[in-house]
Amino acid sequence: MPLGKLEKVNLQSDLETLRFAEDQLVRITSTMKELAAKDERVIRLIQLPGFGITTLTLIAAIGEITRFEDAKHLVGYAGLGARIHDSGLTTRTGKITKAGRKDMRAVLVEAAQVAANTHPIGGPN
């Protein structure tokens, strides 16, 4: 299909942009692999069932773990804490709050599902 002069220029520009983006992706991926291989947190987490590339998402979402006062604060940050309704003598718990970071919650739920499907507790009956 013949292209006009302007269409050829646009196509060349798009191809150059694509090549540039591909080169950047190679550099960024290489740097991330290098940094991940040196990070003790990655080395520990990647050994757990269900964790792979999701480990980097989790570490990026958490950041410096010491910024959380305790585990409850981290659970709340992830939006994985149970909803609690407390009224007088009645206390009811519900589903997770989903009030925290969606990306962090998503990778943790995915990792839990993979672990549950590939490493059943107690083995076959």
N, C-alpha and C. Protein backbone atom coordinates (compact mmCIF):
# COMPACT_ATOMS: atom_id res chain seq x y z
N MET A 1 0.85 -1.17 0.00
CA MET A 1 0.00 0.00 0.00
C MET A 1 0.90 1.24 0.00
N PRO A 2 0.76 2.10 -0.98
CA PRO A 2 1.62 3.27 -1.06
C PRO A 2 1.30 4.28 0.06
N LEU A 3 2.36 4.88 0.59
CA LEU A 3 2.21 5.88 1.64
C LEU A 3 2.64 7.25 1.12
N GLY A 4 1.95 8.27 1.61
CA GLY A 4 2.33 9.63 1.27
C GLY A 4 3.57 10.03 2.06
N LYS A 5 4.16 11.17 1.71
CA LYS A 5 5.38 11.64 2.35
C LYS A 5 5.17 11.83 3.86
N LEU A 6 4.06 12.47 4.26
CA LEU A 6 3.78 12.70 5.66
C LEU A 6 3.55 11.38 6.41
N GLU A 7 2.85 10.45 5.78
CA GLU A 7 2.61 9.14 6.41
C GLU A 7 3.91 8.39 6.62
N LYS A 8 4.85 8.48 5.66
CA LYS A 8 6.16 7.83 5.80
C LYS A 8 6.94 8.43 6.96
N VAL A 9 6.91 9.75 7.07
CA VAL A 9 7.61 10.43 8.17
C VAL A 9 7.01 10.00 9.51
N ASN A 10 5.68 9.97 9.59
CA ASN A 10 5.02 9.54 10.83
C ASN A 10 5.36 8.09 11.17
N LEU A 11 5.37 7.23 10.17
CA LEU A 11 5.69 5.83 10.39
C LEU A 11 7.13 5.68 10.88
N GLN A 12 8.08 6.40 10.25
CA GLN A 12 9.48 6.35 10.69
C GLN A 12 9.62 6.86 12.12
N SER A 13 8.90 7.92 12.43
CA SER A 13 8.94 8.47 13.78
C SER A 13 8.41 7.46 14.80
N ASP A 14 7.31 6.81 14.46
CA ASP A 14 6.74 5.80 15.36
C ASP A 14 7.70 4.63 15.55
N LEU A 15 8.36 4.20 14.48
CA LEU A 15 9.31 3.09 14.58
C LEU A 15 10.52 3.48 15.44
N GLU A 16 11.00 4.71 15.30
CA GLU A 16 12.12 5.19 16.12
C GLU A 16 11.70 5.26 17.60
N THR A 17 10.48 5.71 17.86
CA THR A 17 9.97 5.76 19.23
C THR A 17 9.89 4.37 19.81
N LEU A 18 9.42 3.41 19.04
CA LEU A 18 9.32 2.03 19.48
C LEU A 18 10.69 1.46 19.80
N ARG A 19 11.67 1.69 18.93
CA ARG A 19 13.04 1.21 19.18
C ARG A 19 13.61 1.83 20.46
N PHE A 20 13.37 3.13 20.65
CA PHE A 20 13.84 3.82 21.84
C PHE A 20 13.21 3.21 23.10
N ALA A 21 11.91 2.96 23.06
CA ALA A 21 11.20 2.38 24.21
C ALA A 21 11.71 0.96 24.50
N GLU A 22 11.97 0.19 23.45
CA GLU A 22 12.50 -1.16 23.63
C GLU A 22 13.87 -1.13 24.27
N ASP A 23 14.73 -0.18 23.84
CA ASP A 23 16.06 -0.03 24.44
C ASP A 23 15.96 0.35 25.91
N GLN A 24 15.04 1.26 26.22
CA GLN A 24 14.84 1.65 27.62
C GLN A 24 14.37 0.46 28.45
N LEU A 25 13.46 -0.31 27.91
CA LEU A 25 12.95 -1.47 28.62
C LEU A 25 14.08 -2.45 28.95
N VAL A 26 14.97 -2.69 28.00
CA VAL A 26 16.11 -3.59 28.23
C VAL A 26 16.99 -3.04 29.35
N ARG A 27 17.29 -1.74 29.32
CA ARG A 27 18.15 -1.14 30.36
C ARG A 27 17.48 -1.19 31.73
N ILE A 28 16.21 -0.85 31.78
CA ILE A 28 15.49 -0.83 33.07
C ILE A 28 15.37 -2.25 33.62
N THR A 29 15.04 -3.21 32.79
CA THR A 29 14.91 -4.60 33.22
C THR A 29 16.23 -5.12 33.75
N SER A 30 17.31 -4.81 33.05
CA SER A 30 18.64 -5.24 33.48
C SER A 30 19.00 -4.64 34.84
N THR A 31 18.73 -3.36 35.01
CA THR A 31 19.03 -2.69 36.28
C THR A 31 18.18 -3.26 37.41
N MET A 32 16.90 -3.50 37.14
CA MET A 32 16.02 -4.06 38.17
C MET A 32 16.48 -5.46 38.59
N LYS A 33 16.89 -6.27 37.63
CA LYS A 33 17.38 -7.62 37.95
C LYS A 33 18.62 -7.54 38.81
N GLU A 34 19.51 -6.63 38.47
CA GLU A 34 20.75 -6.45 39.21
C GLU A 34 20.46 -6.02 40.66
N LEU A 35 19.58 -5.05 40.81
CA LEU A 35 19.23 -4.56 42.15
C LEU A 35 18.49 -5.62 42.96
N ALA A 36 17.57 -6.34 42.31
CA ALA A 36 16.80 -7.37 43.00
C ALA A 36 17.69 -8.50 43.49
N ALA A 37 18.69 -8.86 42.70
CA ALA A 37 19.59 -9.95 43.07
C ALA A 37 20.40 -9.61 44.32
N LYS A 38 20.58 -8.33 44.60
CA LYS A 38 21.35 -7.89 45.76
C LYS A 38 20.48 -7.60 46.98
N ASP A 39 19.17 -7.58 46.81
CA ASP A 39 18.25 -7.21 47.88
C ASP A 39 17.86 -8.44 48.69
N GLU A 40 18.22 -8.46 49.96
CA GLU A 40 17.94 -9.61 50.83
C GLU A 40 16.45 -9.89 50.93
N ARG A 41 15.61 -8.85 50.89
CA ARG A 41 14.16 -9.04 50.97
C ARG A 41 13.66 -9.85 49.79
N VAL A 42 14.17 -9.54 48.61
CA VAL A 42 13.76 -10.27 47.40
C VAL A 42 14.19 -11.73 47.50
N ILE A 43 15.42 -11.94 47.93
CA ILE A 43 15.96 -13.30 48.04
C ILE A 43 15.11 -14.14 48.99
N ARG A 44 14.65 -13.54 50.08
CA ARG A 44 13.83 -14.29 51.04
C ARG A 44 12.41 -14.52 50.52
N LEU A 45 11.78 -13.47 50.01
CA LEU A 45 10.38 -13.57 49.58
C LEU A 45 10.19 -14.48 48.37
N ILE A 46 11.14 -14.47 47.47
CA ILE A 46 10.97 -15.23 46.22
C ILE A 46 10.97 -16.73 46.48
N GLN A 47 11.42 -17.13 47.65
CA GLN A 47 11.43 -18.56 48.01
C GLN A 47 10.04 -19.04 48.44
N LEU A 48 9.15 -18.11 48.75
CA LEU A 48 7.80 -18.49 49.20
C LEU A 48 6.92 -18.89 48.03
N PRO A 49 6.06 -19.89 48.23
CA PRO A 49 5.14 -20.27 47.15
C PRO A 49 4.26 -19.10 46.75
N GLY A 50 4.12 -18.89 45.46
CA GLY A 50 3.26 -17.83 44.95
C GLY A 50 3.98 -16.53 44.68
N PHE A 51 5.21 -16.41 45.12
CA PHE A 51 5.94 -15.17 44.88
C PHE A 51 6.93 -15.36 43.74
N GLY A 52 6.93 -14.42 42.84
CA GLY A 52 7.84 -14.39 41.71
C GLY A 52 8.11 -12.92 41.45
N ILE A 53 7.72 -12.46 40.29
CA ILE A 53 7.88 -11.05 39.93
C ILE A 53 7.03 -10.17 40.85
N THR A 54 6.00 -10.76 41.44
CA THR A 54 5.15 -10.00 42.36
C THR A 54 5.93 -9.51 43.58
N THR A 55 7.04 -10.15 43.86
CA THR A 55 7.89 -9.75 44.98
C THR A 55 8.31 -8.29 44.83
N LEU A 56 8.69 -7.90 43.63
CA LEU A 56 9.14 -6.52 43.42
C LEU A 56 8.00 -5.52 43.61
N THR A 57 6.81 -5.89 43.20
CA THR A 57 5.65 -5.02 43.41
C THR A 57 5.39 -4.85 44.90
N LEU A 58 5.46 -5.94 45.63
CA LEU A 58 5.23 -5.89 47.07
C LEU A 58 6.27 -5.02 47.77
N ILE A 59 7.53 -5.22 47.46
CA ILE A 59 8.60 -4.45 48.09
C ILE A 59 8.48 -2.97 47.74
N ALA A 60 8.12 -2.68 46.51
CA ALA A 60 7.95 -1.28 46.11
C ALA A 60 6.77 -0.64 46.85
N ALA A 61 5.70 -1.39 47.05
CA ALA A 61 4.52 -0.86 47.74
C ALA A 61 4.80 -0.63 49.23
N ILE A 62 5.53 -1.55 49.85
CA ILE A 62 5.81 -1.42 51.28
C ILE A 62 6.85 -0.34 51.54
N GLY A 63 7.86 -0.29 50.70
CA GLY A 63 8.94 0.66 50.95
C GLY A 63 9.76 0.23 52.15
N GLU A 64 10.13 1.17 52.98
CA GLU A 64 10.90 0.87 54.18
C GLU A 64 9.97 0.33 55.26
N ILE A 65 10.14 -0.92 55.63
CA ILE A 65 9.23 -1.59 56.56
C ILE A 65 9.20 -0.93 57.93
N THR A 66 10.27 -0.29 58.30
CA THR A 66 10.35 0.33 59.64
C THR A 66 9.39 1.51 59.79
N ARG A 67 8.80 1.98 58.71
CA ARG A 67 7.85 3.08 58.81
C ARG A 67 6.52 2.65 59.41
N PHE A 68 6.31 1.32 59.51
CA PHE A 68 5.10 0.80 60.11
C PHE A 68 5.37 0.48 61.58
N GLU A 69 4.50 0.96 62.43
CA GLU A 69 4.66 0.77 63.87
C GLU A 69 4.64 -0.70 64.25
N ASP A 70 3.74 -1.46 63.63
CA ASP A 70 3.63 -2.89 63.90
C ASP A 70 2.94 -3.56 62.71
N ALA A 71 2.75 -4.88 62.82
CA ALA A 71 2.14 -5.64 61.73
C ALA A 71 0.71 -5.19 61.43
N LYS A 72 -0.04 -4.77 62.47
CA LYS A 72 -1.41 -4.31 62.25
C LYS A 72 -1.45 -3.11 61.31
N HIS A 73 -0.50 -2.21 61.45
CA HIS A 73 -0.47 -1.03 60.59
C HIS A 73 -0.16 -1.41 59.14
N LEU A 74 0.72 -2.38 58.96
CA LEU A 74 1.03 -2.86 57.61
C LEU A 74 -0.19 -3.54 56.99
N VAL A 75 -0.90 -4.34 57.76
CA VAL A 75 -2.12 -5.01 57.28
C VAL A 75 -3.15 -3.96 56.89
N GLY A 76 -3.30 -2.93 57.70
CA GLY A 76 -4.23 -1.85 57.39
C GLY A 76 -3.83 -1.10 56.14
N TYR A 77 -2.54 -0.86 55.97
CA TYR A 77 -2.02 -0.18 54.79
C TYR A 77 -2.35 -0.97 53.52
N ALA A 78 -2.30 -2.29 53.63
CA ALA A 78 -2.60 -3.16 52.48
C ALA A 78 -4.10 -3.33 52.27
N GLY A 79 -4.91 -2.95 53.26
CA GLY A 79 -6.36 -3.12 53.14
C GLY A 79 -6.78 -4.56 53.31
N LEU A 80 -5.99 -5.33 54.06
CA LEU A 80 -6.28 -6.75 54.24
C LEU A 80 -6.86 -7.07 55.61
N GLY A 81 -7.09 -6.05 56.42
CA GLY A 81 -7.67 -6.28 57.75
C GLY A 81 -9.16 -6.54 57.63
N ALA A 82 -9.67 -7.32 58.58
CA ALA A 82 -11.10 -7.63 58.59
C ALA A 82 -11.90 -6.42 59.04
N ARG A 83 -13.01 -6.21 58.40
CA ARG A 83 -13.93 -5.14 58.79
C ARG A 83 -14.53 -5.52 60.15
N ILE A 84 -14.54 -4.58 61.08
CA ILE A 84 -15.04 -4.85 62.43
C ILE A 84 -16.15 -3.87 62.77
N HIS A 85 -17.25 -4.41 63.25
CA HIS A 85 -18.34 -3.58 63.74
C HIS A 85 -18.50 -3.91 65.22
N ASP A 86 -18.25 -2.92 66.06
CA ASP A 86 -18.27 -3.12 67.51
C ASP A 86 -19.32 -2.21 68.12
N SER A 87 -20.34 -2.79 68.73
CA SER A 87 -21.43 -2.00 69.30
C SER A 87 -21.86 -2.64 70.61
N GLY A 88 -21.57 -1.98 71.71
CA GLY A 88 -21.96 -2.51 73.01
C GLY A 88 -21.32 -3.85 73.27
N LEU A 89 -22.11 -4.88 73.49
CA LEU A 89 -21.59 -6.21 73.77
C LEU A 89 -21.42 -7.06 72.51
N THR A 90 -21.79 -6.49 71.37
CA THR A 90 -21.73 -7.24 70.11
C THR A 90 -20.53 -6.80 69.27
N THR A 91 -19.75 -7.78 68.85
CA THR A 91 -18.63 -7.52 67.95
C THR A 91 -18.78 -8.44 66.75
N ARG A 92 -18.83 -7.84 65.57
CA ARG A 92 -18.93 -8.64 64.35
C ARG A 92 -17.76 -8.30 63.44
N THR A 93 -17.21 -9.33 62.82
CA THR A 93 -16.15 -9.11 61.83
C THR A 93 -16.69 -9.48 60.46
N GLY A 94 -16.17 -8.83 59.46
CA GLY A 94 -16.64 -9.08 58.11
C GLY A 94 -15.49 -9.36 57.16
N LYS A 95 -15.72 -9.07 55.92
CA LYS A 95 -14.71 -9.27 54.88
C LYS A 95 -13.61 -8.24 55.02
N ILE A 96 -12.56 -8.37 54.22
CA ILE A 96 -11.46 -7.41 54.29
C ILE A 96 -11.95 -6.02 53.91
N THR A 97 -11.28 -5.01 54.41
CA THR A 97 -11.75 -3.63 54.23
C THR A 97 -11.52 -3.10 52.82
N LYS A 98 -10.49 -3.56 52.16
CA LYS A 98 -10.11 -3.09 50.82
C LYS A 98 -9.88 -1.59 50.80
N ALA A 99 -9.45 -1.04 51.94
CA ALA A 99 -9.25 0.40 52.03
C ALA A 99 -7.81 0.80 51.72
N GLY A 100 -6.91 -0.15 51.56
CA GLY A 100 -5.50 0.16 51.36
C GLY A 100 -5.09 0.15 49.91
N ARG A 101 -3.81 -0.13 49.71
CA ARG A 101 -3.23 -0.12 48.37
C ARG A 101 -3.72 -1.30 47.54
N LYS A 102 -4.35 -0.99 46.45
CA LYS A 102 -4.93 -2.01 45.58
C LYS A 102 -3.85 -2.91 44.96
N ASP A 103 -2.74 -2.31 44.53
CA ASP A 103 -1.68 -3.10 43.89
C ASP A 103 -1.05 -4.09 44.87
N MET A 104 -0.85 -3.65 46.09
CA MET A 104 -0.27 -4.52 47.11
C MET A 104 -1.22 -5.66 47.47
N ARG A 105 -2.47 -5.32 47.66
CA ARG A 105 -3.48 -6.32 48.00
C ARG A 105 -3.61 -7.33 46.87
N ALA A 106 -3.57 -6.87 45.64
CA ALA A 106 -3.73 -7.76 44.48
C ALA A 106 -2.60 -8.78 44.40
N VAL A 107 -1.35 -8.35 44.59
CA VAL A 107 -0.24 -9.31 44.50
C VAL A 107 -0.23 -10.27 45.68
N LEU A 108 -0.66 -9.81 46.85
CA LEU A 108 -0.71 -10.71 48.00
C LEU A 108 -1.82 -11.75 47.84
N VAL A 109 -2.96 -11.33 47.34
CA VAL A 109 -4.06 -12.27 47.11
C VAL A 109 -3.66 -13.27 46.02
N GLU A 110 -3.03 -12.79 44.97
CA GLU A 110 -2.57 -13.68 43.89
C GLU A 110 -1.57 -14.70 44.42
N ALA A 111 -0.62 -14.23 45.22
CA ALA A 111 0.39 -15.13 45.78
C ALA A 111 -0.27 -16.17 46.69
N ALA A 112 -1.25 -15.75 47.48
CA ALA A 112 -1.95 -16.69 48.37
C ALA A 112 -2.71 -17.73 47.56
N GLN A 113 -3.34 -17.32 46.46
CA GLN A 113 -4.08 -18.27 45.63
C GLN A 113 -3.14 -19.28 44.99
N VAL A 114 -2.01 -18.81 44.48
CA VAL A 114 -1.03 -19.73 43.87
C VAL A 114 -0.51 -20.70 44.92
N ALA A 115 -0.18 -20.18 46.10
CA ALA A 115 0.32 -21.05 47.17
C ALA A 115 -0.73 -22.08 47.58
N ALA A 116 -1.98 -21.66 47.69
CA ALA A 116 -3.05 -22.58 48.08
C ALA A 116 -3.28 -23.66 47.03
N ASN A 117 -3.14 -23.30 45.76
CA ASN A 117 -3.39 -24.26 44.68
C ASN A 117 -2.21 -25.20 44.44
N THR A 118 -1.00 -24.77 44.78
CA THR A 118 0.18 -25.59 44.49
C THR A 118 0.76 -26.25 45.73
N HIS A 119 0.40 -25.77 46.90
CA HIS A 119 0.93 -26.33 48.15
C HIS A 119 -0.21 -26.54 49.15
N PRO A 120 -1.08 -27.52 48.88
CA PRO A 120 -2.21 -27.73 49.78
C PRO A 120 -1.74 -28.17 51.17
N ILE A 121 -2.44 -27.70 52.18
CA ILE A 121 -2.12 -28.08 53.56
C ILE A 121 -2.62 -29.49 53.80
N GLY A 122 -1.78 -30.31 54.37
CA GLY A 122 -2.18 -31.67 54.74
C GLY A 122 -2.10 -32.67 53.59
N GLY A 123 -1.88 -32.20 52.37
CA GLY A 123 -1.77 -33.12 51.25
C GLY A 123 -3.09 -33.75 50.85
N PRO A 124 -3.07 -34.69 49.92
CA PRO A 124 -4.30 -35.33 49.45
C PRO A 124 -4.92 -36.22 50.53
N ASN A 125 -6.24 -36.32 50.52
CA ASN A 125 -6.95 -37.15 51.50
C ASN A 125 -7.19 -38.52 50.97
